[in-house]
Protein backbone atom coordinates (compact mmCIF):
# COMPACT_ATOMS: atom_id res chain seq x y z
CA MET A 1 91.75 44.39 8.83
CA PRO A 2 90.53 41.36 10.82
CA LYS A 3 92.86 39.73 13.31
CA ILE A 4 94.71 36.68 12.13
CA LYS A 5 94.39 33.86 14.64
CA SER A 6 95.32 30.85 12.55
CA LEU A 7 97.08 29.71 9.41
CA GLU A 8 93.67 29.41 7.75
CA ASP A 9 92.95 33.09 8.52
CA LEU A 10 96.31 34.05 7.04
CA LEU A 11 95.64 32.07 3.86
CA LYS A 12 92.23 33.73 3.50
CA GLN A 13 93.84 37.17 3.84
CA LYS A 14 96.46 36.21 1.26
CA GLU A 15 93.79 35.10 -1.22
CA ALA A 16 91.75 38.27 -0.69
CA ALA A 17 94.87 40.40 -1.26
CA LYS A 18 95.68 38.49 -4.45
CA ASN A 19 92.17 39.10 -5.77
CA LYS A 20 92.43 42.83 -5.07
CA LEU A 21 95.83 42.98 -6.74
CA PHE A 22 94.38 41.24 -9.79
CA LEU A 23 91.75 43.96 -10.07
CA ARG A 24 94.45 46.63 -10.01
CA LYS A 25 96.59 44.90 -12.63
CA VAL A 26 94.12 43.79 -15.27
CA ALA A 27 96.14 42.72 -18.28
CA ASP A 28 96.16 44.96 -21.32
CA LYS A 29 93.12 43.32 -22.86
CA GLU A 30 90.96 45.09 -25.40
CA ASN A 31 88.04 47.04 -23.98
CA VAL A 32 89.63 47.59 -20.60
CA ILE A 33 88.13 50.53 -18.73
CA THR A 34 90.61 52.52 -16.66
CA LEU A 35 89.55 54.43 -13.56
CA LYS A 36 92.16 56.92 -12.38
CA VAL A 37 91.83 58.05 -8.78
CA ALA A 38 93.77 61.22 -7.94
CA MET A 39 95.91 60.47 -4.89
CA GLY A 40 97.80 63.70 -4.42
CA THR A 41 97.93 65.18 -0.95
CA CYS A 42 94.67 67.07 -1.48
CA GLY A 43 92.92 63.96 -2.80
CA ILE A 44 94.04 61.81 0.11
CA ALA A 45 92.97 64.51 2.58
CA ALA A 46 89.54 64.62 0.93
CA GLY A 47 89.06 60.82 1.13
CA ALA A 48 90.56 59.41 -2.08
CA LYS A 49 91.86 56.28 -0.31
CA GLU A 50 88.33 55.42 0.77
CA THR A 51 87.07 56.17 -2.74
CA PHE A 52 89.70 53.85 -4.20
CA GLU A 53 88.72 51.07 -1.76
CA LYS A 54 84.99 51.51 -2.48
CA LEU A 55 85.62 51.30 -6.23
CA MET A 56 87.69 48.14 -5.77
CA GLU A 57 85.09 46.62 -3.44
CA THR A 58 82.23 47.33 -5.87
CA ILE A 59 84.14 45.97 -8.86
CA GLU A 60 84.93 42.81 -6.91
CA GLU A 61 81.31 42.40 -5.73
CA LYS A 62 80.00 42.80 -9.28
CA GLY A 63 82.60 40.37 -10.67
CA LEU A 64 83.84 42.87 -13.26
CA ASP A 65 87.11 41.84 -14.87
CA ASN A 66 87.47 44.51 -17.56
CA ILE A 67 88.24 47.42 -15.22
CA ARG A 68 91.63 48.60 -14.10
CA VAL A 69 91.81 51.01 -11.14
CA ILE A 70 95.00 53.03 -10.84
CA GLN A 71 96.30 55.81 -8.63
CA THR A 72 97.55 59.06 -10.09
CA GLY A 73 99.07 62.16 -8.61
CA CYS A 74 97.19 65.41 -8.35
CA MET A 75 95.09 66.22 -11.42
CA GLY A 76 94.79 69.88 -10.44
CA TYR A 77 91.17 69.91 -9.30
CA CYS A 78 91.75 70.25 -5.57
CA HIS A 79 88.40 71.97 -5.11
CA ALA A 80 86.60 68.84 -6.35
CA GLU A 81 88.53 66.05 -4.62
CA PRO A 82 88.27 63.11 -4.54
CA THR A 83 88.35 62.98 -8.34
CA VAL A 84 88.02 59.95 -10.60
CA GLU A 85 88.70 59.94 -14.33
CA VAL A 86 86.88 57.29 -16.36
CA ASN A 87 88.65 56.19 -19.54
CA GLU A 88 86.62 53.89 -21.76
CA PRO A 89 88.07 52.65 -25.06
CA GLY A 90 86.96 54.80 -27.99
CA LYS A 91 85.41 57.52 -25.82
CA GLU A 92 86.59 60.84 -24.41
CA PRO A 93 87.64 60.64 -20.74
CA ILE A 94 85.07 61.82 -18.18
CA LEU A 95 86.32 63.49 -15.01
CA TYR A 96 84.14 63.26 -11.93
CA GLY A 97 84.55 65.23 -8.72
CA LYS A 98 83.41 64.74 -5.11
CA ILE A 99 83.33 60.95 -5.52
CA LYS A 100 83.02 59.65 -1.97
CA GLY A 101 81.49 56.51 -0.45
CA ASP A 102 78.23 55.56 -2.12
CA LYS A 103 78.98 57.91 -5.02
CA ALA A 104 81.87 55.57 -5.96
CA ARG A 105 79.44 52.64 -5.99
CA GLU A 106 77.01 54.73 -8.06
CA LEU A 107 79.78 55.51 -10.56
CA ILE A 108 80.29 51.79 -11.18
CA GLU A 109 76.59 50.92 -11.23
CA LYS A 110 75.36 53.81 -13.34
CA HIS A 111 78.27 54.93 -15.54
CA ILE A 112 80.14 51.67 -16.08
CA LEU A 113 77.28 49.16 -16.08
CA ASN A 114 74.43 51.27 -17.48
CA GLY A 115 76.21 53.96 -19.52
CA GLU A 116 74.57 56.81 -17.56
CA LEU A 117 76.69 59.86 -16.79
CA LEU A 118 76.58 61.20 -13.25
CA GLN A 119 75.61 64.70 -14.38
CA ASP A 120 75.85 66.23 -10.91
CA SER A 121 79.47 65.10 -10.50
CA ILE A 122 81.07 65.85 -13.88
CA ILE A 123 83.85 68.42 -13.89
CA GLY A 124 83.06 70.37 -17.07
CA GLU A 125 85.93 72.05 -18.80
CA THR A 126 88.98 70.10 -17.82
CA HIS A 127 91.75 71.32 -20.12
CA LYS A 128 92.20 74.51 -22.09
CA SER A 129 94.89 75.51 -24.49
CA ILE A 130 97.11 78.43 -23.56
CA ASN A 131 95.84 80.14 -26.71
CA GLU A 132 92.17 80.01 -25.68
């Protein structure tokens, strides 16, 4: 965080924080895409905070207002942290693993904006029934 040396600097920081908060709390509009970032202990240790920030930064840069980014607890895929679940209206959720740095930017640019799945990052079978 940059040093605050004047009232103007403080007001700029306040405005930037408000914009980031807006991105996290997109109203319940139709067609809102939800990105869930696993922030359990294992996720944080693997870099989930940085992933979260990179997603937020990319969304802000691209001016996207139909995406909500939320934190969740552990999703149970510790071996693949940081994990991000993409929930688009009317589609099955997609769970991605090892989403760090530029991979978070790629997730927004390819999956969200262009509809391309990141095949090398998808966690295949995510949930099984006890009877299977």
